[in-house]
Amino acid sequence: MNERFWENLEILLIDKGMSWADLARKIFKGQYVYPSEFNRLYQTFRHYKSNRLMPQLKWVERIVAVLEIDYAKICLGGRDGTSITDVRSHSC
């Protein structure tokens, strides 16, 4: 499921015209002051993506909020999110 998560996220970013760095800036907004702090957070995010690791739940929730999407779109790939009744009961 981890690979599907990152593939779905990449499709959503393309649809929204965002880069990975743009997403990281929005996810970590308020958590860094200096560029080196952002770089450290971005490298951690990139490590998860490159190794197809499932990110922390708080990151997934933040991604869902930032992209203004339904949880099902990112984890299950449903563009309309209508196929899942309780998406929280399913793990990515």
PDB file of N, CA and C in Angstrom:
ATOM      1  N   MET A   1       0.801  -1.193   0.000  1.00  0.00           N
ATOM      2  CA  MET A   1       0.000   0.000   0.000  1.00  0.00           C
ATOM      3  C   MET A   1       0.850   1.265   0.000  1.00  0.00           C
ATOM      4  N   ASN A   2       2.074   1.156   0.533  1.00  0.00           N
ATOM      5  CA  ASN A   2       2.930   2.336   0.587  1.00  0.00           C
ATOM      6  C   ASN A   2       3.210   2.883  -0.806  1.00  0.00           C
ATOM      7  N   GLU A   3       3.464   1.963  -1.768  1.00  0.00           N
ATOM      8  CA  GLU A   3       3.728   2.419  -3.127  1.00  0.00           C
ATOM      9  C   GLU A   3       2.510   3.119  -3.707  1.00  0.00           C
ATOM     10  N   ARG A   4       1.335   2.579  -3.440  1.00  0.00           N
ATOM     11  CA  ARG A   4       0.102   3.190  -3.943  1.00  0.00           C
ATOM     12  C   ARG A   4      -0.083   4.584  -3.336  1.00  0.00           C
ATOM     13  N   PHE A   5       0.246   4.728  -2.052  1.00  0.00           N
ATOM     14  CA  PHE A   5       0.132   6.026  -1.390  1.00  0.00           C
ATOM     15  C   PHE A   5       0.957   7.072  -2.137  1.00  0.00           C
ATOM     16  N   TRP A   6       2.220   6.766  -2.398  1.00  0.00           N
ATOM     17  CA  TRP A   6       3.109   7.744  -3.039  1.00  0.00           C
ATOM     18  C   TRP A   6       2.728   7.988  -4.493  1.00  0.00           C
ATOM     19  N   GLU A   7       2.260   6.948  -5.187  1.00  0.00           N
ATOM     20  CA  GLU A   7       1.800   7.123  -6.565  1.00  0.00           C
ATOM     21  C   GLU A   7       0.566   8.024  -6.607  1.00  0.00           C
ATOM     22  N   ASN A   8      -0.381   7.763  -5.716  1.00  0.00           N
ATOM     23  CA  ASN A   8      -1.591   8.592  -5.664  1.00  0.00           C
ATOM     24  C   ASN A   8      -1.255  10.036  -5.311  1.00  0.00           C
ATOM     25  N   LEU A   9      -0.343  10.209  -4.372  1.00  0.00           N
ATOM     26  CA  LEU A   9       0.054  11.555  -3.977  1.00  0.00           C
ATOM     27  C   LEU A   9       0.706  12.290  -5.142  1.00  0.00           C
ATOM     28  N   GLU A  10       1.528  11.599  -5.893  1.00  0.00           N
ATOM     29  CA  GLU A  10       2.177  12.229  -7.046  1.00  0.00           C
ATOM     30  C   GLU A  10       1.138  12.680  -8.077  1.00  0.00           C
ATOM     31  N   ILE A  11       0.138  11.855  -8.324  1.00  0.00           N
ATOM     32  CA  ILE A  11      -0.931  12.217  -9.266  1.00  0.00           C
ATOM     33  C   ILE A  11      -1.693  13.443  -8.763  1.00  0.00           C
ATOM     34  N   LEU A  12      -1.997  13.455  -7.471  1.00  0.00           N
ATOM     35  CA  LEU A  12      -2.718  14.602  -6.898  1.00  0.00           C
ATOM     36  C   LEU A  12      -1.900  15.885  -6.989  1.00  0.00           C
ATOM     37  N   LEU A  13      -0.589  15.782  -6.776  1.00  0.00           N
ATOM     38  CA  LEU A  13       0.271  16.966  -6.878  1.00  0.00           C
ATOM     39  C   LEU A  13       0.302  17.498  -8.309  1.00  0.00           C
ATOM     40  N   ILE A  14       0.380  16.593  -9.264  1.00  0.00           N
ATOM     41  CA  ILE A  14       0.375  17.008 -10.672  1.00  0.00           C
ATOM     42  C   ILE A  14      -0.942  17.709 -11.001  1.00  0.00           C
ATOM     43  N   ASP A  15      -2.049  17.122 -10.534  1.00  0.00           N
ATOM     44  CA  ASP A  15      -3.370  17.731 -10.770  1.00  0.00           C
ATOM     45  C   ASP A  15      -3.466  19.139 -10.195  1.00  0.00           C
ATOM     46  N   LYS A  16      -2.819  19.354  -9.058  1.00  0.00           N
ATOM     47  CA  LYS A  16      -2.869  20.660  -8.396  1.00  0.00           C
ATOM     48  C   LYS A  16      -1.742  21.589  -8.834  1.00  0.00           C
ATOM     49  N   GLY A  17      -0.817  21.098  -9.681  1.00  0.00           N
ATOM     50  CA  GLY A  17       0.281  21.919 -10.159  1.00  0.00           C
ATOM     51  C   GLY A  17       1.301  22.255  -9.079  1.00  0.00           C
ATOM     52  N   MET A  18       1.502  21.332  -8.146  1.00  0.00           N
ATOM     53  CA  MET A  18       2.434  21.558  -7.034  1.00  0.00           C
ATOM     54  C   MET A  18       3.656  20.659  -7.176  1.00  0.00           C
ATOM     55  N   SER A  19       4.754  21.126  -6.628  1.00  0.00           N
ATOM     56  CA  SER A  19       5.958  20.305  -6.569  1.00  0.00           C
ATOM     57  C   SER A  19       6.036  19.641  -5.201  1.00  0.00           C
ATOM     58  N   TRP A  20       6.954  18.704  -5.048  1.00  0.00           N
ATOM     59  CA  TRP A  20       7.167  18.055  -3.751  1.00  0.00           C
ATOM     60  C   TRP A  20       7.630  19.080  -2.721  1.00  0.00           C
ATOM     61  N   ALA A  21       8.466  20.015  -3.148  1.00  0.00           N
ATOM     62  CA  ALA A  21       8.947  21.060  -2.231  1.00  0.00           C
ATOM     63  C   ALA A  21       7.795  21.963  -1.784  1.00  0.00           C
ATOM     64  N   ASP A  22       6.885  22.289  -2.708  1.00  0.00           N
ATOM     65  CA  ASP A  22       5.711  23.098  -2.340  1.00  0.00           C
ATOM     66  C   ASP A  22       4.881  22.389  -1.278  1.00  0.00           C
ATOM     67  N   LEU A  23       4.669  21.098  -1.486  1.00  0.00           N
ATOM     68  CA  LEU A  23       3.900  20.316  -0.516  1.00  0.00           C
ATOM     69  C   LEU A  23       4.605  20.295   0.832  1.00  0.00           C
ATOM     70  N   ALA A  24       5.905  20.067   0.822  1.00  0.00           N
ATOM     71  CA  ALA A  24       6.673  20.023   2.074  1.00  0.00           C
ATOM     72  C   ALA A  24       6.587  21.361   2.808  1.00  0.00           C
ATOM     73  N   ARG A  25       6.688  22.471   2.069  1.00  0.00           N
ATOM     74  CA  ARG A  25       6.575  23.793   2.710  1.00  0.00           C
ATOM     75  C   ARG A  25       5.239  23.955   3.418  1.00  0.00           C
ATOM     76  N   LYS A  26       4.173  23.468   2.775  1.00  0.00           N
ATOM     77  CA  LYS A  26       2.848  23.599   3.370  1.00  0.00           C
ATOM     78  C   LYS A  26       2.652  22.636   4.536  1.00  0.00           C
ATOM     79  N   ILE A  27       3.195  21.431   4.424  1.00  0.00           N
ATOM     80  CA  ILE A  27       3.071  20.456   5.511  1.00  0.00           C
ATOM     81  C   ILE A  27       3.773  20.965   6.761  1.00  0.00           C
ATOM     82  N   PHE A  28       4.974  21.489   6.574  1.00  0.00           N
ATOM     83  CA  PHE A  28       5.808  21.883   7.702  1.00  0.00           C
ATOM     84  C   PHE A  28       5.722  23.370   8.039  1.00  0.00           C
ATOM     85  N   LYS A  29       4.730  24.057   7.503  1.00  0.00           N
ATOM     86  CA  LYS A  29       4.566  25.486   7.765  1.00  0.00           C
ATOM     87  C   LYS A  29       4.522  25.738   9.275  1.00  0.00           C
ATOM     88  N   GLY A  30       5.342  26.679   9.734  1.00  0.00           N
ATOM     89  CA  GLY A  30       5.394  27.028  11.155  1.00  0.00           C
ATOM     90  C   GLY A  30       6.335  26.171  11.974  1.00  0.00           C
ATOM     91  N   GLN A  31       6.931  25.149  11.351  1.00  0.00           N
ATOM     92  CA  GLN A  31       7.834  24.258  12.079  1.00  0.00           C
ATOM     93  C   GLN A  31       9.310  24.567  11.817  1.00  0.00           C
ATOM     94  N   TYR A  32       9.558  25.563  10.997  1.00  0.00           N
ATOM     95  CA  TYR A  32      10.943  25.934  10.706  1.00  0.00           C
ATOM     96  C   TYR A  32      11.044  27.437  10.530  1.00  0.00           C
ATOM     97  N   VAL A  33      12.237  27.963  10.812  1.00  0.00           N
ATOM     98  CA  VAL A  33      12.503  29.379  10.642  1.00  0.00           C
ATOM     99  C   VAL A  33      13.585  29.568   9.588  1.00  0.00           C
ATOM    100  N   TYR A  34      14.631  28.779   9.709  1.00  0.00           N
ATOM    101  CA  TYR A  34      15.789  28.910   8.831  1.00  0.00           C
ATOM    102  C   TYR A  34      15.727  27.902   7.693  1.00  0.00           C
ATOM    103  N   PRO A  35      16.333  28.238   6.568  1.00  0.00           N
ATOM    104  CA  PRO A  35      16.363  27.301   5.436  1.00  0.00           C
ATOM    105  C   PRO A  35      16.965  25.941   5.795  1.00  0.00           C
ATOM    106  N   SER A  36      17.933  25.925   6.670  1.00  0.00           N
ATOM    107  CA  SER A  36      18.552  24.649   7.047  1.00  0.00           C
ATOM    108  C   SER A  36      17.554  23.760   7.793  1.00  0.00           C
ATOM    109  N   GLU A  37      16.659  24.370   8.561  1.00  0.00           N
ATOM    110  CA  GLU A  37      15.631  23.598   9.260  1.00  0.00           C
ATOM    111  C   GLU A  37      14.636  23.002   8.257  1.00  0.00           C
ATOM    112  N   PHE A  38      14.250  23.822   7.268  1.00  0.00           N
ATOM    113  CA  PHE A  38      13.361  23.303   6.233  1.00  0.00           C
ATOM    114  C   PHE A  38      14.050  22.190   5.468  1.00  0.00           C
ATOM    115  N   ASN A  39      15.328  22.372   5.151  1.00  0.00           N
ATOM    116  CA  ASN A  39      16.069  21.363   4.401  1.00  0.00           C
ATOM    117  C   ASN A  39      16.067  20.027   5.147  1.00  0.00           C
ATOM    118  N   ARG A  40      16.256  20.070   6.457  1.00  0.00           N
ATOM    119  CA  ARG A  40      16.263  18.839   7.258  1.00  0.00           C
ATOM    120  C   ARG A  40      14.894  18.150   7.179  1.00  0.00           C
ATOM    121  N   LEU A  41      13.815  18.920   7.326  1.00  0.00           N
ATOM    122  CA  LEU A  41      12.474  18.357   7.237  1.00  0.00           C
ATOM    123  C   LEU A  41      12.183  17.815   5.834  1.00  0.00           C
ATOM    124  N   TYR A  42      12.601  18.555   4.817  1.00  0.00           N
ATOM    125  CA  TYR A  42      12.375  18.125   3.437  1.00  0.00           C
ATOM    126  C   TYR A  42      13.142  16.845   3.139  1.00  0.00           C
ATOM    127  N   GLN A  43      14.377  16.751   3.625  1.00  0.00           N
ATOM    128  CA  GLN A  43      15.177  15.541   3.393  1.00  0.00           C
ATOM    129  C   GLN A  43      14.531  14.325   4.064  1.00  0.00           C
ATOM    130  N   THR A  44      13.956  14.519   5.234  1.00  0.00           N
ATOM    131  CA  THR A  44      13.252  13.428   5.912  1.00  0.00           C
ATOM    132  C   THR A  44      12.037  13.006   5.086  1.00  0.00           C
ATOM    133  N   PHE A  45      11.281  13.972   4.617  1.00  0.00           N
ATOM    134  CA  PHE A  45      10.115  13.720   3.779  1.00  0.00           C
ATOM    135  C   PHE A  45      10.538  12.985   2.501  1.00  0.00           C
ATOM    136  N   ARG A  46      11.619  13.455   1.888  1.00  0.00           N
ATOM    137  CA  ARG A  46      12.132  12.852   0.659  1.00  0.00           C
ATOM    138  C   ARG A  46      12.605  11.416   0.883  1.00  0.00           C
ATOM    139  N   HIS A  47      13.189  11.174   2.048  1.00  0.00           N
ATOM    140  CA  HIS A  47      13.628   9.824   2.401  1.00  0.00           C
ATOM    141  C   HIS A  47      12.427   8.864   2.437  1.00  0.00           C
ATOM    142  N   TYR A  48      11.347   9.308   3.058  1.00  0.00           N
ATOM    143  CA  TYR A  48      10.130   8.483   3.103  1.00  0.00           C
ATOM    144  C   TYR A  48       9.635   8.200   1.688  1.00  0.00           C
ATOM    145  N   LYS A  49       9.607   9.237   0.862  1.00  0.00           N
ATOM    146  CA  LYS A  49       9.121   9.086  -0.510  1.00  0.00           C
ATOM    147  C   LYS A  49      10.029   8.175  -1.329  1.00  0.00           C
ATOM    148  N   SER A  50      11.316   8.395  -1.263  1.00  0.00           N
ATOM    149  CA  SER A  50      12.270   7.620  -2.052  1.00  0.00           C
ATOM    150  C   SER A  50      12.262   6.139  -1.688  1.00  0.00           C
ATOM    151  N   ASN A  51      12.087   5.856  -0.414  1.00  0.00           N
ATOM    152  CA  ASN A  51      12.095   4.467   0.054  1.00  0.00           C
ATOM    153  C   ASN A  51      10.703   3.876   0.154  1.00  0.00           C
ATOM    154  N   ARG A  52       9.707   4.643  -0.311  1.00  0.00           N
ATOM    155  CA  ARG A  52       8.317   4.192  -0.304  1.00  0.00           C
ATOM    156  C   ARG A  52       7.858   3.754   1.085  1.00  0.00           C
ATOM    157  N   LEU A  53       8.260   4.512   2.094  1.00  0.00           N
ATOM    158  CA  LEU A  53       7.849   4.253   3.465  1.00  0.00           C
ATOM    159  C   LEU A  53       6.552   4.992   3.740  1.00  0.00           C
ATOM    160  N   MET A  54       5.713   4.397   4.532  1.00  0.00           N
ATOM    161  CA  MET A  54       4.458   5.055   4.885  1.00  0.00           C
ATOM    162  C   MET A  54       4.765   6.168   5.876  1.00  0.00           C
ATOM    163  N   PRO A  55       4.346   7.417   5.576  1.00  0.00           N
ATOM    164  CA  PRO A  55       4.636   8.519   6.493  1.00  0.00           C
ATOM    165  C   PRO A  55       3.828   8.418   7.778  1.00  0.00           C
ATOM    166  N   GLN A  56       4.245   9.192   8.750  1.00  0.00           N
ATOM    167  CA  GLN A  56       3.553   9.254  10.027  1.00  0.00           C
ATOM    168  C   GLN A  56       2.113   9.709   9.804  1.00  0.00           C
ATOM    169  N   LEU A  57       1.224   9.255  10.672  1.00  0.00           N
ATOM    170  CA  LEU A  57      -0.193   9.606  10.547  1.00  0.00           C
ATOM    171  C   LEU A  57      -0.401  11.113  10.557  1.00  0.00           C
ATOM    172  N   LYS A  58       0.377  11.818  11.389  1.00  0.00           N
ATOM    173  CA  LYS A  58       0.196  13.280  11.435  1.00  0.00           C
ATOM    174  C   LYS A  58       0.578  13.919  10.104  1.00  0.00           C
ATOM    175  N   TRP A  59       1.550  13.338   9.396  1.00  0.00           N
ATOM    176  CA  TRP A  59       1.898  13.856   8.072  1.00  0.00           C
ATOM    177  C   TRP A  59       0.766  13.584   7.090  1.00  0.00           C
ATOM    178  N   VAL A  60       0.211  12.384   7.132  1.00  0.00           N
ATOM    179  CA  VAL A  60      -0.884  12.039   6.218  1.00  0.00           C
ATOM    180  C   VAL A  60      -2.074  12.965   6.457  1.00  0.00           C
ATOM    181  N   GLU A  61      -2.408  13.193   7.724  1.00  0.00           N
ATOM    182  CA  GLU A  61      -3.518  14.101   8.041  1.00  0.00           C
ATOM    183  C   GLU A  61      -3.233  15.507   7.557  1.00  0.00           C
ATOM    184  N   ARG A  62      -1.998  15.943   7.700  1.00  0.00           N
ATOM    185  CA  ARG A  62      -1.615  17.290   7.243  1.00  0.00           C
ATOM    186  C   ARG A  62      -1.674  17.383   5.718  1.00  0.00           C
ATOM    187  N   ILE A  63      -1.224  16.332   5.025  1.00  0.00           N
ATOM    188  CA  ILE A  63      -1.277  16.304   3.558  1.00  0.00           C
ATOM    189  C   ILE A  63      -2.735  16.396   3.096  1.00  0.00           C
ATOM    190  N   VAL A  64      -3.608  15.624   3.729  1.00  0.00           N
ATOM    191  CA  VAL A  64      -5.030  15.650   3.387  1.00  0.00           C
ATOM    192  C   VAL A  64      -5.593  17.063   3.581  1.00  0.00           C
ATOM    193  N   ALA A  65      -5.224  17.710   4.682  1.00  0.00           N
ATOM    194  CA  ALA A  65      -5.712  19.067   4.959  1.00  0.00           C
ATOM    195  C   ALA A  65      -5.149  20.082   3.972  1.00  0.00           C
ATOM    196  N   VAL A  66      -3.859  19.995   3.687  1.00  0.00           N
ATOM    197  CA  VAL A  66      -3.202  20.946   2.785  1.00  0.00           C
ATOM    198  C   VAL A  66      -3.759  20.839   1.367  1.00  0.00           C
ATOM    199  N   LEU A  67      -3.941  19.616   0.886  1.00  0.00           N
ATOM    200  CA  LEU A  67      -4.427  19.416  -0.474  1.00  0.00           C
ATOM    201  C   LEU A  67      -5.946  19.510  -0.576  1.00  0.00           C
ATOM    202  N   GLU A  68      -6.607  19.610   0.580  1.00  0.00           N
ATOM    203  CA  GLU A  68      -8.063  19.695   0.627  1.00  0.00           C
ATOM    204  C   GLU A  68      -8.708  18.546  -0.140  1.00  0.00           C
ATOM    205  N   ILE A  69      -8.318  17.334   0.240  1.00  0.00           N
ATOM    206  CA  ILE A  69      -8.821  16.129  -0.405  1.00  0.00           C
ATOM    207  C   ILE A  69      -9.404  15.191   0.635  1.00  0.00           C
ATOM    208  N   ASP A  70     -10.073  14.173   0.151  1.00  0.00           N
ATOM    209  CA  ASP A  70     -10.596  13.125   1.003  1.00  0.00           C
ATOM    210  C   ASP A  70      -9.483  12.110   1.270  1.00  0.00           C
ATOM    211  N   TYR A  71      -9.470  11.562   2.449  1.00  0.00           N
ATOM    212  CA  TYR A  71      -8.465  10.569   2.850  1.00  0.00           C
ATOM    213  C   TYR A  71      -8.414   9.403   1.865  1.00  0.00           C
ATOM    214  N   ALA A  72      -9.549   8.994   1.322  1.00  0.00           N
ATOM    215  CA  ALA A  72      -9.614   7.864   0.395  1.00  0.00           C
ATOM    216  C   ALA A  72      -8.839   8.133  -0.891  1.00  0.00           C
ATOM    217  N   LYS A  73      -8.791   9.376  -1.329  1.00  0.00           N
ATOM    218  CA  LYS A  73      -8.090   9.701  -2.570  1.00  0.00           C
ATOM    219  C   LYS A  73      -6.608   9.404  -2.473  1.00  0.00           C
ATOM    220  N   ILE A  74      -6.046   9.659  -1.311  1.00  0.00           N
ATOM    221  CA  ILE A  74      -4.605   9.489  -1.169  1.00  0.00           C
ATOM    222  C   ILE A  74      -4.235   8.046  -0.857  1.00  0.00           C
ATOM    223  N   CYS A  75      -5.059   7.361  -0.111  1.00  0.00           N
ATOM    224  CA  CYS A  75      -4.725   5.999   0.299  1.00  0.00           C
ATOM    225  C   CYS A  75      -5.256   4.938  -0.649  1.00  0.00           C
ATOM    226  N   LEU A  76      -6.403   5.183  -1.224  1.00  0.00           N
ATOM    227  CA  LEU A  76      -7.031   4.158  -2.045  1.00  0.00           C
ATOM    228  C   LEU A  76      -7.111   4.530  -3.514  1.00  0.00           C
ATOM    229  N   GLY A  77      -6.814   5.764  -3.826  1.00  0.00           N
ATOM    230  CA  GLY A  77      -6.761   6.176  -5.217  1.00  0.00           C
ATOM    231  C   GLY A  77      -8.084   6.570  -5.824  1.00  0.00           C
ATOM    232  N   GLY A  78      -9.165   6.512  -5.058  1.00  0.00           N
ATOM    233  CA  GLY A  78     -10.454   6.912  -5.590  1.00  0.00           C
ATOM    234  C   GLY A  78     -10.519   8.412  -5.771  1.00  0.00           C
ATOM    235  N   ARG A  79     -10.660   8.861  -6.966  1.00  0.00           N
ATOM    236  CA  ARG A  79     -10.658  10.299  -7.213  1.00  0.00           C
ATOM    237  C   ARG A  79     -11.875  10.979  -6.621  1.00  0.00           C
ATOM    238  N   ASP A  80     -13.017  10.264  -6.561  1.00  0.00           N
ATOM    239  CA  ASP A  80     -14.205  10.891  -5.986  1.00  0.00           C
ATOM    240  C   ASP A  80     -14.375  10.555  -4.514  1.00  0.00           C
ATOM    241  N   GLY A  81     -13.690   9.510  -4.026  1.00  0.00           N
ATOM    242  CA  GLY A  81     -13.744   9.163  -2.616  1.00  0.00           C
ATOM    243  C   GLY A  81     -15.083   8.606  -2.170  1.00  0.00           C
ATOM    244  N   THR A  82     -15.960   8.244  -3.111  1.00  0.00           N
ATOM    245  CA  THR A  82     -17.287   7.774  -2.740  1.00  0.00           C
ATOM    246  C   THR A  82     -17.354   6.280  -2.502  1.00  0.00           C
ATOM    247  N   SER A  83     -16.325   5.540  -2.834  1.00  0.00           N
ATOM    248  CA  SER A  83     -16.384   4.093  -2.708  1.00  0.00           C
ATOM    249  C   SER A  83     -16.120   3.610  -1.286  1.00  0.00           C
ATOM    250  N   ILE A  84     -15.675   4.494  -0.415  1.00  0.00           N
ATOM    251  CA  ILE A  84     -15.346   4.117   0.951  1.00  0.00           C
ATOM    252  C   ILE A  84     -16.332   4.790   1.904  1.00  0.00           C
ATOM    253  N   THR A  85     -16.935   3.993   2.800  1.00  0.00           N
ATOM    254  CA  THR A  85     -17.884   4.581   3.744  1.00  0.00           C
ATOM    255  C   THR A  85     -17.181   5.177   4.950  1.00  0.00           C
ATOM    256  N   ASP A  86     -16.192   4.460   5.484  1.00  0.00           N
ATOM    257  CA  ASP A  86     -15.448   4.988   6.618  1.00  0.00           C
ATOM    258  C   ASP A  86     -13.967   4.838   6.299  1.00  0.00           C
ATOM    259  N   VAL A  87     -13.381   5.852   5.699  1.00  0.00           N
ATOM    260  CA  VAL A  87     -12.006   5.757   5.242  1.00  0.00           C
ATOM    261  C   VAL A  87     -11.009   5.651   6.386  1.00  0.00           C
ATOM    262  N   ARG A  88     -11.349   6.126   7.547  1.00  0.00           N
ATOM    263  CA  ARG A  88     -10.450   6.037   8.692  1.00  0.00           C
ATOM    264  C   ARG A  88     -10.248   4.594   9.135  1.00  0.00           C
ATOM    265  N   SER A  89     -11.198   3.715   8.838  1.00  0.00           N
ATOM    266  CA  SER A  89     -11.064   2.318   9.255  1.00  0.00           C
ATOM    267  C   SER A  89     -10.105   1.546   8.358  1.00  0.00           C
ATOM    268  N   HIS A  90      -9.728   2.110   7.240  1.00  0.00           N
ATOM    269  CA  HIS A  90      -8.783   1.472   6.333  1.00  0.00           C
ATOM    270  C   HIS A  90      -7.411   2.104   6.498  1.00  0.00           C
ATOM    271  N   SER A  91      -6.405   1.281   6.539  1.00  0.00           N
ATOM    272  CA  SER A  91      -5.052   1.829   6.621  1.00  0.00           C
ATOM    273  C   SER A  91      -4.465   1.865   5.229  1.00  0.00           C
ATOM    274  N   CYS A  92      -3.610   2.838   5.004  1.00  0.00           N
ATOM    275  CA  CYS A  92      -2.951   2.942   3.713  1.00  0.00           C
ATOM    276  C   CYS A  92      -2.062   1.758   3.598  1.00  0.00           C
TER     277      CYS A  92
END
